[in-house]
């Protein structure tokens, strides 16, 4: 194995005069630069598998979650998040989360949810 030359002193040159607080601020700044693109990807991109997983955590069975996600895809609501669709529909109808999710399995419920999000009814 090739031995790497120790260049630590050269690499730390731009950091050696920084205080602890300045180093901490630089660390969080660099961390933000790494994480921000990941957060943007998460906000802008989803998949049916991710949305089913969210619904499973909300207490729906896998069959119910699949049906809700399929209905959201049909109404072009998946970009809003299936869990968000269920949540907002439950607030709109003043139902519990589970009851609202099950109501979305009925076409009339999903059409009403689509209107809430400005989607196609």
PDB file of N, CA and C in Angstrom:
ATOM      1  N   UNK A   1       0.834  -1.174   0.000  1.00  0.00           N
ATOM      2  CA  UNK A   1       0.000   0.000   0.000  1.00  0.00           C
ATOM      3  C   UNK A   1       0.884   1.245   0.000  1.00  0.00           C
ATOM      4  N   UNK A   2       0.466   2.242  -0.744  1.00  0.00           N
ATOM      5  CA  UNK A   2       1.233   3.478  -0.841  1.00  0.00           C
ATOM      6  C   UNK A   2       1.007   4.300   0.416  1.00  0.00           C
ATOM      7  N   UNK A   3       2.095   4.784   0.979  1.00  0.00           N
ATOM      8  CA  UNK A   3       1.991   5.599   2.181  1.00  0.00           C
ATOM      9  C   UNK A   3       1.751   7.046   1.766  1.00  0.00           C
ATOM     10  N   UNK A   4       0.781   7.648   2.392  1.00  0.00           N
ATOM     11  CA  UNK A   4       0.432   9.033   2.080  1.00  0.00           C
ATOM     12  C   UNK A   4       1.333   9.980   2.859  1.00  0.00           C
ATOM     13  N   UNK A   5       1.820  10.974   2.155  1.00  0.00           N
ATOM     14  CA  UNK A   5       2.653  11.982   2.802  1.00  0.00           C
ATOM     15  C   UNK A   5       1.773  12.831   3.721  1.00  0.00           C
ATOM     16  N   UNK A   6       2.268  13.118   4.898  1.00  0.00           N
ATOM     17  CA  UNK A   6       1.503  13.897   5.866  1.00  0.00           C
ATOM     18  C   UNK A   6       1.503  15.366   5.444  1.00  0.00           C
ATOM     19  N   UNK A   7       0.329  15.854   5.037  1.00  0.00           N
ATOM     20  CA  UNK A   7       0.209  17.254   4.624  1.00  0.00           C
ATOM     21  C   UNK A   7      -0.803  18.001   5.485  1.00  0.00           C
ATOM     22  N   UNK A   8      -0.991  17.516   6.703  1.00  0.00           N
ATOM     23  CA  UNK A   8      -1.968  18.117   7.606  1.00  0.00           C
ATOM     24  C   UNK A   8      -1.695  19.605   7.824  1.00  0.00           C
ATOM     25  N   UNK A   9      -0.465  19.962   8.028  1.00  0.00           N
ATOM     26  CA  UNK A   9      -0.137  21.372   8.292  1.00  0.00           C
ATOM     27  C   UNK A   9      -0.518  22.257   7.106  1.00  0.00           C
ATOM     28  N   UNK A  10      -0.314  21.768   5.902  1.00  0.00           N
ATOM     29  CA  UNK A  10      -0.688  22.539   4.713  1.00  0.00           C
ATOM     30  C   UNK A  10      -2.207  22.659   4.592  1.00  0.00           C
ATOM     31  N   UNK A  11      -2.911  21.559   4.853  1.00  0.00           N
ATOM     32  CA  UNK A  11      -4.366  21.562   4.710  1.00  0.00           C
ATOM     33  C   UNK A  11      -5.063  22.398   5.772  1.00  0.00           C
ATOM     34  N   UNK A  12      -4.473  22.574   6.943  1.00  0.00           N
ATOM     35  CA  UNK A  12      -5.116  23.328   8.011  1.00  0.00           C
ATOM     36  C   UNK A  12      -4.733  24.805   8.010  1.00  0.00           C
ATOM     37  N   UNK A  13      -3.893  25.197   7.077  1.00  0.00           N
ATOM     38  CA  UNK A  13      -3.371  26.570   7.044  1.00  0.00           C
ATOM     39  C   UNK A  13      -4.490  27.611   7.098  1.00  0.00           C
ATOM     40  N   UNK A  14      -5.539  27.438   6.317  1.00  0.00           N
ATOM     41  CA  UNK A  14      -6.616  28.431   6.268  1.00  0.00           C
ATOM     42  C   UNK A  14      -7.529  28.370   7.491  1.00  0.00           C
ATOM     43  N   UNK A  15      -7.352  27.376   8.344  1.00  0.00           N
ATOM     44  CA  UNK A  15      -8.204  27.236   9.523  1.00  0.00           C
ATOM     45  C   UNK A  15      -7.490  27.556  10.838  1.00  0.00           C
ATOM     46  N   UNK A  16      -6.182  27.607  10.822  1.00  0.00           N
ATOM     47  CA  UNK A  16      -5.443  27.650  12.082  1.00  0.00           C
ATOM     48  C   UNK A  16      -5.666  28.924  12.894  1.00  0.00           C
ATOM     49  N   UNK A  17      -6.037  30.019  12.259  1.00  0.00           N
ATOM     50  CA  UNK A  17      -6.234  31.269  12.997  1.00  0.00           C
ATOM     51  C   UNK A  17      -7.688  31.507  13.403  1.00  0.00           C
ATOM     52  N   UNK A  18      -8.558  30.546  13.135  1.00  0.00           N
ATOM     53  CA  UNK A  18      -9.971  30.706  13.478  1.00  0.00           C
ATOM     54  C   UNK A  18     -10.214  30.312  14.933  1.00  0.00           C
ATOM     55  N   UNK A  19     -11.109  31.045  15.578  1.00  0.00           N
ATOM     56  CA  UNK A  19     -11.490  30.713  16.954  1.00  0.00           C
ATOM     57  C   UNK A  19     -12.436  29.513  16.936  1.00  0.00           C
ATOM     58  N   UNK A  20     -12.729  29.011  18.117  1.00  0.00           N
ATOM     59  CA  UNK A  20     -13.654  27.880  18.228  1.00  0.00           C
ATOM     60  C   UNK A  20     -15.004  28.240  17.630  1.00  0.00           C
ATOM     61  N   UNK A  21     -15.512  29.420  17.950  1.00  0.00           N
ATOM     62  CA  UNK A  21     -16.817  29.852  17.437  1.00  0.00           C
ATOM     63  C   UNK A  21     -16.791  30.002  15.917  1.00  0.00           C
ATOM     64  N   UNK A  22     -15.693  30.519  15.379  1.00  0.00           N
ATOM     65  CA  UNK A  22     -15.573  30.664  13.926  1.00  0.00           C
ATOM     66  C   UNK A  22     -15.508  29.290  13.242  1.00  0.00           C
ATOM     67  N   UNK A  23     -14.788  28.357  13.866  1.00  0.00           N
ATOM     68  CA  UNK A  23     -14.735  26.994  13.323  1.00  0.00           C
ATOM     69  C   UNK A  23     -16.114  26.341  13.353  1.00  0.00           C
ATOM     70  N   UNK A  24     -16.814  26.559  14.447  1.00  0.00           N
ATOM     71  CA  UNK A  24     -18.158  25.997  14.584  1.00  0.00           C
ATOM     72  C   UNK A  24     -19.089  26.579  13.519  1.00  0.00           C
ATOM     73  N   UNK A  25     -19.020  27.898  13.309  1.00  0.00           N
ATOM     74  CA  UNK A  25     -19.851  28.547  12.291  1.00  0.00           C
ATOM     75  C   UNK A  25     -19.491  28.025  10.900  1.00  0.00           C
ATOM     76  N   UNK A  26     -18.202  27.841  10.634  1.00  0.00           N
ATOM     77  CA  UNK A  26     -17.769  27.321   9.330  1.00  0.00           C
ATOM     78  C   UNK A  26     -18.270  25.892   9.128  1.00  0.00           C
ATOM     79  N   UNK A  27     -18.187  25.086  10.179  1.00  0.00           N
ATOM     80  CA  UNK A  27     -18.679  23.709  10.103  1.00  0.00           C
ATOM     81  C   UNK A  27     -20.150  23.685   9.717  1.00  0.00           C
ATOM     82  N   UNK A  28     -20.982  24.490  10.411  1.00  0.00           N
ATOM     83  CA  UNK A  28     -22.417  24.477  10.135  1.00  0.00           C
ATOM     84  C   UNK A  28     -22.730  25.065   8.765  1.00  0.00           C
ATOM     85  N   UNK A  29     -21.930  26.011   8.328  1.00  0.00           N
ATOM     86  CA  UNK A  29     -22.113  26.569   6.991  1.00  0.00           C
ATOM     87  C   UNK A  29     -21.849  25.493   5.926  1.00  0.00           C
ATOM     88  N   UNK A  30     -20.746  24.773   6.085  1.00  0.00           N
ATOM     89  CA  UNK A  30     -20.416  23.705   5.134  1.00  0.00           C
ATOM     90  C   UNK A  30     -21.436  22.567   5.204  1.00  0.00           C
ATOM     91  N   UNK A  31     -21.893  22.262   6.405  1.00  0.00           N
ATOM     92  CA  UNK A  31     -22.913  21.225   6.563  1.00  0.00           C
ATOM     93  C   UNK A  31     -24.187  21.626   5.834  1.00  0.00           C
ATOM     94  N   UNK A  32     -24.567  22.893   5.962  1.00  0.00           N
ATOM     95  CA  UNK A  32     -25.747  23.392   5.262  1.00  0.00           C
ATOM     96  C   UNK A  32     -25.608  23.263   3.757  1.00  0.00           C
ATOM     97  N   UNK A  33     -24.411  23.542   3.251  1.00  0.00           N
ATOM     98  CA  UNK A  33     -24.177  23.427   1.813  1.00  0.00           C
ATOM     99  C   UNK A  33     -24.325  21.980   1.340  1.00  0.00           C
ATOM    100  N   UNK A  34     -23.994  21.034   2.202  1.00  0.00           N
ATOM    101  CA  UNK A  34     -24.144  19.621   1.849  1.00  0.00           C
ATOM    102  C   UNK A  34     -25.590  19.158   1.938  1.00  0.00           C
ATOM    103  N   UNK A  35     -26.294  19.611   2.961  1.00  0.00           N
ATOM    104  CA  UNK A  35     -27.629  19.101   3.250  1.00  0.00           C
ATOM    105  C   UNK A  35     -28.710  19.791   2.425  1.00  0.00           C
ATOM    106  N   UNK A  36     -28.555  21.066   2.124  1.00  0.00           N
ATOM    107  CA  UNK A  36     -29.594  21.810   1.403  1.00  0.00           C
ATOM    108  C   UNK A  36     -30.012  21.148   0.089  1.00  0.00           C
ATOM    109  N   UNK A  37     -29.085  20.699  -0.755  1.00  0.00           N
ATOM    110  CA  UNK A  37     -29.517  20.021  -1.985  1.00  0.00           C
ATOM    111  C   UNK A  37     -30.293  18.728  -1.707  1.00  0.00           C
ATOM    112  N   UNK A  38     -29.930  18.033  -0.646  1.00  0.00           N
ATOM    113  CA  UNK A  38     -30.660  16.809  -0.299  1.00  0.00           C
ATOM    114  C   UNK A  38     -32.079  17.134   0.135  1.00  0.00           C
ATOM    115  N   UNK A  39     -32.236  18.211   0.899  1.00  0.00           N
ATOM    116  CA  UNK A  39     -33.569  18.626   1.322  1.00  0.00           C
ATOM    117  C   UNK A  39     -34.415  19.037   0.126  1.00  0.00           C
ATOM    118  N   UNK A  40     -33.811  19.737  -0.823  1.00  0.00           N
ATOM    119  CA  UNK A  40     -34.540  20.135  -2.032  1.00  0.00           C
ATOM    120  C   UNK A  40     -35.003  18.905  -2.812  1.00  0.00           C
ATOM    121  N   UNK A  41     -34.116  17.926  -2.943  1.00  0.00           N
ATOM    122  CA  UNK A  41     -34.500  16.696  -3.644  1.00  0.00           C
ATOM    123  C   UNK A  41     -35.660  16.009  -2.937  1.00  0.00           C
ATOM    124  N   UNK A  42     -35.605  15.976  -1.622  1.00  0.00           N
ATOM    125  CA  UNK A  42     -36.674  15.324  -0.858  1.00  0.00           C
ATOM    126  C   UNK A  42     -37.995  16.069  -0.997  1.00  0.00           C
ATOM    127  N   UNK A  43     -37.929  17.398  -1.063  1.00  0.00           N
ATOM    128  CA  UNK A  43     -39.153  18.187  -1.196  1.00  0.00           C
ATOM    129  C   UNK A  43     -39.769  18.039  -2.580  1.00  0.00           C
ATOM    130  N   UNK A  44     -38.929  17.958  -3.598  1.00  0.00           N
ATOM    131  CA  UNK A  44     -39.407  17.988  -4.973  1.00  0.00           C
ATOM    132  C   UNK A  44     -39.648  16.607  -5.577  1.00  0.00           C
ATOM    133  N   UNK A  45     -39.119  15.578  -4.963  1.00  0.00           N
ATOM    134  CA  UNK A  45     -39.221  14.246  -5.552  1.00  0.00           C
ATOM    135  C   UNK A  45     -39.779  13.264  -4.536  1.00  0.00           C
ATOM    136  N   UNK A  46     -40.676  12.451  -4.992  1.00  0.00           N
ATOM    137  CA  UNK A  46     -41.217  11.391  -4.153  1.00  0.00           C
ATOM    138  C   UNK A  46     -41.505  10.203  -5.045  1.00  0.00           C
ATOM    139  N   UNK A  47     -41.893   9.133  -4.431  1.00  0.00           N
ATOM    140  CA  UNK A  47     -42.246   7.939  -5.198  1.00  0.00           C
ATOM    141  C   UNK A  47     -43.420   7.268  -4.503  1.00  0.00           C
ATOM    142  N   UNK A  48     -44.133   6.429  -5.222  1.00  0.00           N
ATOM    143  CA  UNK A  48     -45.235   5.709  -4.582  1.00  0.00           C
ATOM    144  C   UNK A  48     -44.775   4.908  -3.360  1.00  0.00           C
ATOM    145  N   UNK A  49     -43.581   4.330  -3.433  1.00  0.00           N
ATOM    146  CA  UNK A  49     -43.080   3.541  -2.301  1.00  0.00           C
ATOM    147  C   UNK A  49     -42.889   4.414  -1.065  1.00  0.00           C
ATOM    148  N   UNK A  50     -42.341   5.608  -1.261  1.00  0.00           N
ATOM    149  CA  UNK A  50     -42.150   6.525  -0.140  1.00  0.00           C
ATOM    150  C   UNK A  50     -43.495   6.926   0.436  1.00  0.00           C
ATOM    151  N   UNK A  51     -44.438   7.243  -0.421  1.00  0.00           N
ATOM    152  CA  UNK A  51     -45.757   7.676   0.051  1.00  0.00           C
ATOM    153  C   UNK A  51     -46.498   6.543   0.762  1.00  0.00           C
ATOM    154  N   UNK A  52     -46.356   5.315   0.270  1.00  0.00           N
ATOM    155  CA  UNK A  52     -46.966   4.176   0.978  1.00  0.00           C
ATOM    156  C   UNK A  52     -46.346   4.016   2.353  1.00  0.00           C
ATOM    157  N   UNK A  53     -45.041   4.208   2.435  1.00  0.00           N
ATOM    158  CA  UNK A  53     -44.348   4.105   3.717  1.00  0.00           C
ATOM    159  C   UNK A  53     -44.866   5.140   4.711  1.00  0.00           C
ATOM    160  N   UNK A  54     -45.095   6.354   4.236  1.00  0.00           N
ATOM    161  CA  UNK A  54     -45.644   7.405   5.100  1.00  0.00           C
ATOM    162  C   UNK A  54     -47.016   6.990   5.614  1.00  0.00           C
ATOM    163  N   UNK A  55     -47.851   6.489   4.724  1.00  0.00           N
ATOM    164  CA  UNK A  55     -49.201   6.082   5.124  1.00  0.00           C
ATOM    165  C   UNK A  55     -49.174   4.896   6.086  1.00  0.00           C
ATOM    166  N   UNK A  56     -48.232   3.992   5.904  1.00  0.00           N
ATOM    167  CA  UNK A  56     -48.096   2.876   6.845  1.00  0.00           C
ATOM    168  C   UNK A  56     -47.785   3.400   8.241  1.00  0.00           C
ATOM    169  N   UNK A  57     -46.928   4.412   8.311  1.00  0.00           N
ATOM    170  CA  UNK A  57     -46.591   5.005   9.608  1.00  0.00           C
ATOM    171  C   UNK A  57     -47.767   5.775  10.205  1.00  0.00           C
ATOM    172  N   UNK A  58     -48.694   6.173   9.351  1.00  0.00           N
ATOM    173  CA  UNK A  58     -49.890   6.871   9.833  1.00  0.00           C
ATOM    174  C   UNK A  58     -50.965   5.889  10.293  1.00  0.00           C
ATOM    175  N   UNK A  59     -50.713   4.593  10.146  1.00  0.00           N
ATOM    176  CA  UNK A  59     -51.633   3.598  10.672  1.00  0.00           C
ATOM    177  C   UNK A  59     -52.482   2.864   9.658  1.00  0.00           C
ATOM    178  N   UNK A  60     -52.230   3.063   8.382  1.00  0.00           N
ATOM    179  CA  UNK A  60     -53.001   2.366   7.358  1.00  0.00           C
ATOM    180  C   UNK A  60     -52.345   1.030   7.044  1.00  0.00           C
ATOM    181  N   UNK A  61     -53.152   0.075   6.620  1.00  0.00           N
ATOM    182  CA  UNK A  61     -52.596  -1.213   6.200  1.00  0.00           C
ATOM    183  C   UNK A  61     -51.916  -1.027   4.843  1.00  0.00           C
ATOM    184  N   UNK A  62     -51.139  -2.014   4.447  1.00  0.00           N
ATOM    185  CA  UNK A  62     -50.436  -1.891   3.167  1.00  0.00           C
ATOM    186  C   UNK A  62     -51.420  -1.839   2.000  1.00  0.00           C
ATOM    187  N   UNK A  63     -52.513  -2.573   2.092  1.00  0.00           N
ATOM    188  CA  UNK A  63     -53.509  -2.542   1.014  1.00  0.00           C
ATOM    189  C   UNK A  63     -54.208  -1.182   0.956  1.00  0.00           C
ATOM    190  N   UNK A  64     -54.531  -0.625   2.117  1.00  0.00           N
ATOM    191  CA  UNK A  64     -55.160   0.701   2.157  1.00  0.00           C
ATOM    192  C   UNK A  64     -54.197   1.762   1.640  1.00  0.00           C
ATOM    193  N   UNK A  65     -52.934   1.660   2.073  1.00  0.00           N
ATOM    194  CA  UNK A  65     -51.933   2.640   1.643  1.00  0.00           C
ATOM    195  C   UNK A  65     -51.761   2.600   0.130  1.00  0.00           C
ATOM    196  N   UNK A  66     -51.694   1.400  -0.434  1.00  0.00           N
ATOM    197  CA  UNK A  66     -51.538   1.281  -1.889  1.00  0.00           C
ATOM    198  C   UNK A  66     -52.725   1.902  -2.610  1.00  0.00           C
ATOM    199  N   UNK A  67     -53.932   1.646  -2.119  1.00  0.00           N
ATOM    200  CA  UNK A  67     -55.128   2.194  -2.767  1.00  0.00           C
ATOM    201  C   UNK A  67     -55.154   3.719  -2.673  1.00  0.00           C
ATOM    202  N   UNK A  68     -54.767   4.272  -1.535  1.00  0.00           N
ATOM    203  CA  UNK A  68     -54.748   5.734  -1.376  1.00  0.00           C
ATOM    204  C   UNK A  68     -53.704   6.347  -2.303  1.00  0.00           C
ATOM    205  N   UNK A  69     -52.520   5.753  -2.352  1.00  0.00           N
ATOM    206  CA  UNK A  69     -51.453   6.270  -3.223  1.00  0.00           C
ATOM    207  C   UNK A  69     -51.872   6.179  -4.687  1.00  0.00           C
ATOM    208  N   UNK A  70     -52.477   5.075  -5.084  1.00  0.00           N
ATOM    209  CA  UNK A  70     -52.940   4.936  -6.470  1.00  0.00           C
ATOM    210  C   UNK A  70     -53.975   6.012  -6.806  1.00  0.00           C
ATOM    211  N   UNK A  71     -54.883   6.273  -5.865  1.00  0.00           N
ATOM    212  CA  UNK A  71     -55.896   7.312  -6.094  1.00  0.00           C
ATOM    213  C   UNK A  71     -55.246   8.691  -6.178  1.00  0.00           C
ATOM    214  N   UNK A  72     -54.239   8.934  -5.345  1.00  0.00           N
ATOM    215  CA  UNK A  72     -53.523  10.219  -5.404  1.00  0.00           C
ATOM    216  C   UNK A  72     -52.805  10.376  -6.740  1.00  0.00           C
ATOM    217  N   UNK A  73     -52.226   9.288  -7.240  1.00  0.00           N
ATOM    218  CA  UNK A  73     -51.551   9.347  -8.541  1.00  0.00           C
ATOM    219  C   UNK A  73     -52.555   9.633  -9.644  1.00  0.00           C
ATOM    220  N   UNK A  74     -53.700   9.012  -9.571  1.00  0.00           N
ATOM    221  CA  UNK A  74     -54.740   9.207 -10.584  1.00  0.00           C
ATOM    222  C   UNK A  74     -55.197  10.666 -10.632  1.00  0.00           C
ATOM    223  N   UNK A  75     -55.231  11.325  -9.481  1.00  0.00           N
ATOM    224  CA  UNK A  75     -55.675  12.722  -9.403  1.00  0.00           C
ATOM    225  C   UNK A  75     -54.503  13.708  -9.444  1.00  0.00           C
ATOM    226  N   UNK A  76     -53.301  13.221  -9.735  1.00  0.00           N
ATOM    227  CA  UNK A  76     -52.088  14.057  -9.813  1.00  0.00           C
ATOM    228  C   UNK A  76     -51.804  14.786  -8.498  1.00  0.00           C
ATOM    229  N   UNK A  77     -52.024  14.105  -7.388  1.00  0.00           N
ATOM    230  CA  UNK A  77     -51.799  14.700  -6.071  1.00  0.00           C
ATOM    231  C   UNK A  77     -50.568  14.149  -5.369  1.00  0.00           C
ATOM    232  N   UNK A  78     -49.879  13.215  -5.982  1.00  0.00           N
ATOM    233  CA  UNK A  78     -48.760  12.571  -5.302  1.00  0.00           C
ATOM    234  C   UNK A  78     -47.653  13.566  -4.967  1.00  0.00           C
ATOM    235  N   UNK A  79     -47.494  14.590  -5.777  1.00  0.00           N
ATOM    236  CA  UNK A  79     -46.483  15.608  -5.504  1.00  0.00           C
ATOM    237  C   UNK A  79     -46.738  16.372  -4.219  1.00  0.00           C
ATOM    238  N   UNK A  80     -47.978  16.380  -3.772  1.00  0.00           N
ATOM    239  CA  UNK A  80     -48.313  17.039  -2.505  1.00  0.00           C
ATOM    240  C   UNK A  80     -48.035  16.125  -1.323  1.00  0.00           C
ATOM    241  N   UNK A  81     -47.849  14.850  -1.592  1.00  0.00           N
ATOM    242  CA  UNK A  81     -47.637  13.864  -0.542  1.00  0.00           C
ATOM    243  C   UNK A  81     -48.949  13.229  -0.129  1.00  0.00           C
ATOM    244  N   UNK A  82     -49.009  11.924  -0.197  1.00  0.00           N
ATOM    245  CA  UNK A  82     -50.243  11.217   0.143  1.00  0.00           C
ATOM    246  C   UNK A  82     -50.627  11.444   1.599  1.00  0.00           C
ATOM    247  N   UNK A  83     -49.646  11.465   2.482  1.00  0.00           N
ATOM    248  CA  UNK A  83     -49.926  11.733   3.890  1.00  0.00           C
ATOM    249  C   UNK A  83     -50.499  13.116   4.094  1.00  0.00           C
ATOM    250  N   UNK A  84     -49.979  14.081   3.351  1.00  0.00           N
ATOM    251  CA  UNK A  84     -50.482  15.452   3.423  1.00  0.00           C
ATOM    252  C   UNK A  84     -51.909  15.530   2.892  1.00  0.00           C
ATOM    253  N   UNK A  85     -52.196  14.798   1.828  1.00  0.00           N
ATOM    254  CA  UNK A  85     -53.554  14.769   1.274  1.00  0.00           C
ATOM    255  C   UNK A  85     -54.519  14.228   2.326  1.00  0.00           C
ATOM    256  N   UNK A  86     -54.141  13.130   2.968  1.00  0.00           N
ATOM    257  CA  UNK A  86     -54.999  12.549   4.009  1.00  0.00           C
ATOM    258  C   UNK A  86     -55.165  13.534   5.161  1.00  0.00           C
ATOM    259  N   UNK A  87     -54.069  14.134   5.590  1.00  0.00           N
ATOM    260  CA  UNK A  87     -54.111  15.067   6.725  1.00  0.00           C
ATOM    261  C   UNK A  87     -55.008  16.273   6.425  1.00  0.00           C
ATOM    262  N   UNK A  88     -54.787  16.889   5.277  1.00  0.00           N
ATOM    263  CA  UNK A  88     -55.588  18.080   4.949  1.00  0.00           C
ATOM    264  C   UNK A  88     -57.055  17.732   4.727  1.00  0.00           C
ATOM    265  N   UNK A  89     -57.301  16.571   4.142  1.00  0.00           N
ATOM    266  CA  UNK A  89     -58.689  16.136   3.958  1.00  0.00           C
ATOM    267  C   UNK A  89     -59.340  15.880   5.317  1.00  0.00           C
ATOM    268  N   UNK A  90     -58.582  15.325   6.252  1.00  0.00           N
ATOM    269  CA  UNK A  90     -59.146  15.072   7.587  1.00  0.00           C
ATOM    270  C   UNK A  90     -59.471  16.381   8.294  1.00  0.00           C
ATOM    271  N   UNK A  91     -58.633  17.391   8.127  1.00  0.00           N
ATOM    272  CA  UNK A  91     -58.914  18.706   8.723  1.00  0.00           C
ATOM    273  C   UNK A  91     -60.124  19.349   8.049  1.00  0.00           C
ATOM    274  N   UNK A  92     -60.203  19.210   6.748  1.00  0.00           N
ATOM    275  CA  UNK A  92     -61.307  19.797   5.985  1.00  0.00           C
ATOM    276  C   UNK A  92     -62.646  19.169   6.372  1.00  0.00           C
ATOM    277  N   UNK A  93     -62.652  17.864   6.556  1.00  0.00           N
ATOM    278  CA  UNK A  93     -63.901  17.156   6.857  1.00  0.00           C
ATOM    279  C   UNK A  93     -64.120  16.961   8.356  1.00  0.00           C
ATOM    280  N   UNK A  94     -63.155  17.398   9.150  1.00  0.00           N
ATOM    281  CA  UNK A  94     -63.212  17.243  10.618  1.00  0.00           C
ATOM    282  C   UNK A  94     -63.373  15.773  11.025  1.00  0.00           C
ATOM    283  N   UNK A  95     -62.622  14.932  10.349  1.00  0.00           N
ATOM    284  CA  UNK A  95     -62.598  13.503  10.661  1.00  0.00           C
ATOM    285  C   UNK A  95     -61.229  13.156  11.218  1.00  0.00           C
ATOM    286  N   UNK A  96     -61.140  11.989  11.824  1.00  0.00           N
ATOM    287  CA  UNK A  96     -59.837  11.485  12.233  1.00  0.00           C
ATOM    288  C   UNK A  96     -59.017  11.110  11.007  1.00  0.00           C
ATOM    289  N   UNK A  97     -57.729  10.936  11.210  1.00  0.00           N
ATOM    290  CA  UNK A  97     -56.830  10.608  10.093  1.00  0.00           C
ATOM    291  C   UNK A  97     -57.271   9.313   9.405  1.00  0.00           C
ATOM    292  N   UNK A  98     -57.496   8.286  10.183  1.00  0.00           N
ATOM    293  CA  UNK A  98     -57.855   6.993   9.584  1.00  0.00           C
ATOM    294  C   UNK A  98     -59.176   7.070   8.835  1.00  0.00           C
ATOM    295  N   UNK A  99     -60.166   7.704   9.447  1.00  0.00           N
ATOM    296  CA  UNK A  99     -61.476   7.815   8.797  1.00  0.00           C
ATOM    297  C   UNK A  99     -61.366   8.605   7.497  1.00  0.00           C
ATOM    298  N   UNK A 100     -60.586   9.674   7.537  1.00  0.00           N
ATOM    299  CA  UNK A 100     -60.414  10.492   6.330  1.00  0.00           C
ATOM    300  C   UNK A 100     -59.713   9.696   5.234  1.00  0.00           C
ATOM    301  N   UNK A 101     -58.679   8.950   5.602  1.00  0.00           N
ATOM    302  CA  UNK A 101     -57.969   8.144   4.614  1.00  0.00           C
ATOM    303  C   UNK A 101     -58.867   7.112   3.968  1.00  0.00           C
ATOM    304  N   UNK A 102     -59.684   6.484   4.787  1.00  0.00           N
ATOM    305  CA  UNK A 102     -60.613   5.490   4.236  1.00  0.00           C
ATOM    306  C   UNK A 102     -61.677   6.155   3.372  1.00  0.00           C
ATOM    307  N   UNK A 103     -62.072   7.382   3.737  1.00  0.00           N
ATOM    308  CA  UNK A 103     -63.049   8.114   2.919  1.00  0.00           C
ATOM    309  C   UNK A 103     -62.463   8.475   1.555  1.00  0.00           C
ATOM    310  N   UNK A 104     -61.139   8.613   1.490  1.00  0.00           N
ATOM    311  CA  UNK A 104     -60.498   8.930   0.208  1.00  0.00           C
ATOM    312  C   UNK A 104     -60.534   7.750  -0.757  1.00  0.00           C
ATOM    313  N   UNK A 105     -60.821   6.580  -0.246  1.00  0.00           N
ATOM    314  CA  UNK A 105     -60.919   5.408  -1.121  1.00  0.00           C
ATOM    315  C   UNK A 105     -62.202   5.416  -1.937  1.00  0.00           C
ATOM    316  N   UNK A 106     -63.145   6.249  -1.527  1.00  0.00           N
ATOM    317  CA  UNK A 106     -64.394   6.432  -2.271  1.00  0.00           C
ATOM    318  C   UNK A 106     -64.143   7.548  -3.287  1.00  0.00           C
ATOM    319  N   UNK A 107     -64.531   7.375  -4.535  1.00  0.00           N
ATOM    320  CA  UNK A 107     -64.242   8.402  -5.549  1.00  0.00           C
ATOM    321  C   UNK A 107     -64.676   9.815  -5.155  1.00  0.00           C
ATOM    322  N   UNK A 108     -65.818   9.961  -4.519  1.00  0.00           N
ATOM    323  CA  UNK A 108     -66.284  11.303  -4.146  1.00  0.00           C
ATOM    324  C   UNK A 108     -65.329  11.961  -3.151  1.00  0.00           C
ATOM    325  N   UNK A 109     -64.776  11.174  -2.242  1.00  0.00           N
ATOM    326  CA  UNK A 109     -63.826  11.712  -1.269  1.00  0.00           C
ATOM    327  C   UNK A 109     -62.547  12.184  -1.932  1.00  0.00           C
ATOM    328  N   UNK A 110     -62.037  11.400  -2.860  1.00  0.00           N
ATOM    329  CA  UNK A 110     -60.803  11.783  -3.545  1.00  0.00           C
ATOM    330  C   UNK A 110     -61.032  12.989  -4.444  1.00  0.00           C
ATOM    331  N   UNK A 111     -62.212  13.102  -5.041  1.00  0.00           N
ATOM    332  CA  UNK A 111     -62.514  14.279  -5.864  1.00  0.00           C
ATOM    333  C   UNK A 111     -62.544  15.537  -5.006  1.00  0.00           C
ATOM    334  N   UNK A 112     -63.101  15.424  -3.810  1.00  0.00           N
ATOM    335  CA  UNK A 112     -63.123  16.569  -2.904  1.00  0.00           C
ATOM    336  C   UNK A 112     -61.701  16.938  -2.476  1.00  0.00           C
ATOM    337  N   UNK A 113     -60.878  15.939  -2.214  1.00  0.00           N
ATOM    338  CA  UNK A 113     -59.481  16.191  -1.856  1.00  0.00           C
ATOM    339  C   UNK A 113     -58.749  16.861  -3.016  1.00  0.00           C
ATOM    340  N   UNK A 114     -59.026  16.429  -4.235  1.00  0.00           N
ATOM    341  CA  UNK A 114     -58.391  17.037  -5.406  1.00  0.00           C
ATOM    342  C   UNK A 114     -58.766  18.509  -5.510  1.00  0.00           C
ATOM    343  N   UNK A 115     -60.013  18.834  -5.213  1.00  0.00           N
ATOM    344  CA  UNK A 115     -60.424  20.244  -5.237  1.00  0.00           C
ATOM    345  C   UNK A 115     -59.693  21.048  -4.166  1.00  0.00           C
ATOM    346  N   UNK A 116     -59.426  20.433  -3.018  1.00  0.00           N
ATOM    347  CA  UNK A 116     -58.680  21.122  -1.957  1.00  0.00           C
ATOM    348  C   UNK A 116     -57.296  21.546  -2.437  1.00  0.00           C
ATOM    349  N   UNK A 117     -56.694  20.725  -3.260  1.00  0.00           N
ATOM    350  CA  UNK A 117     -55.341  20.983  -3.745  1.00  0.00           C
ATOM    351  C   UNK A 117     -55.324  21.618  -5.133  1.00  0.00           C
ATOM    352  N   UNK A 118     -56.484  21.907  -5.671  1.00  0.00           N
ATOM    353  CA  UNK A 118     -56.535  22.512  -7.000  1.00  0.00           C
ATOM    354  C   UNK A 118     -56.210  21.524  -8.103  1.00  0.00           C
ATOM    355  N   UNK A 119     -56.336  20.239  -7.819  1.00  0.00           N
ATOM    356  CA  UNK A 119     -56.061  19.207  -8.824  1.00  0.00           C
ATOM    357  C   UNK A 119     -57.278  18.939  -9.672  1.00  0.00           C
ATOM    358  N   UNK A 120     -57.166  17.947 -10.530  1.00  0.00           N
ATOM    359  CA  UNK A 120     -58.305  17.607 -11.391  1.00  0.00           C
ATOM    360  C   UNK A 120     -59.300  16.758 -10.598  1.00  0.00           C
ATOM    361  N   UNK A 121     -60.567  17.190 -10.528  1.00  0.00           N
ATOM    362  CA  UNK A 121     -61.574  16.428  -9.765  1.00  0.00           C
ATOM    363  C   UNK A 121     -61.966  15.140 -10.445  1.00  0.00           C
TER     364      UNK A 121
END
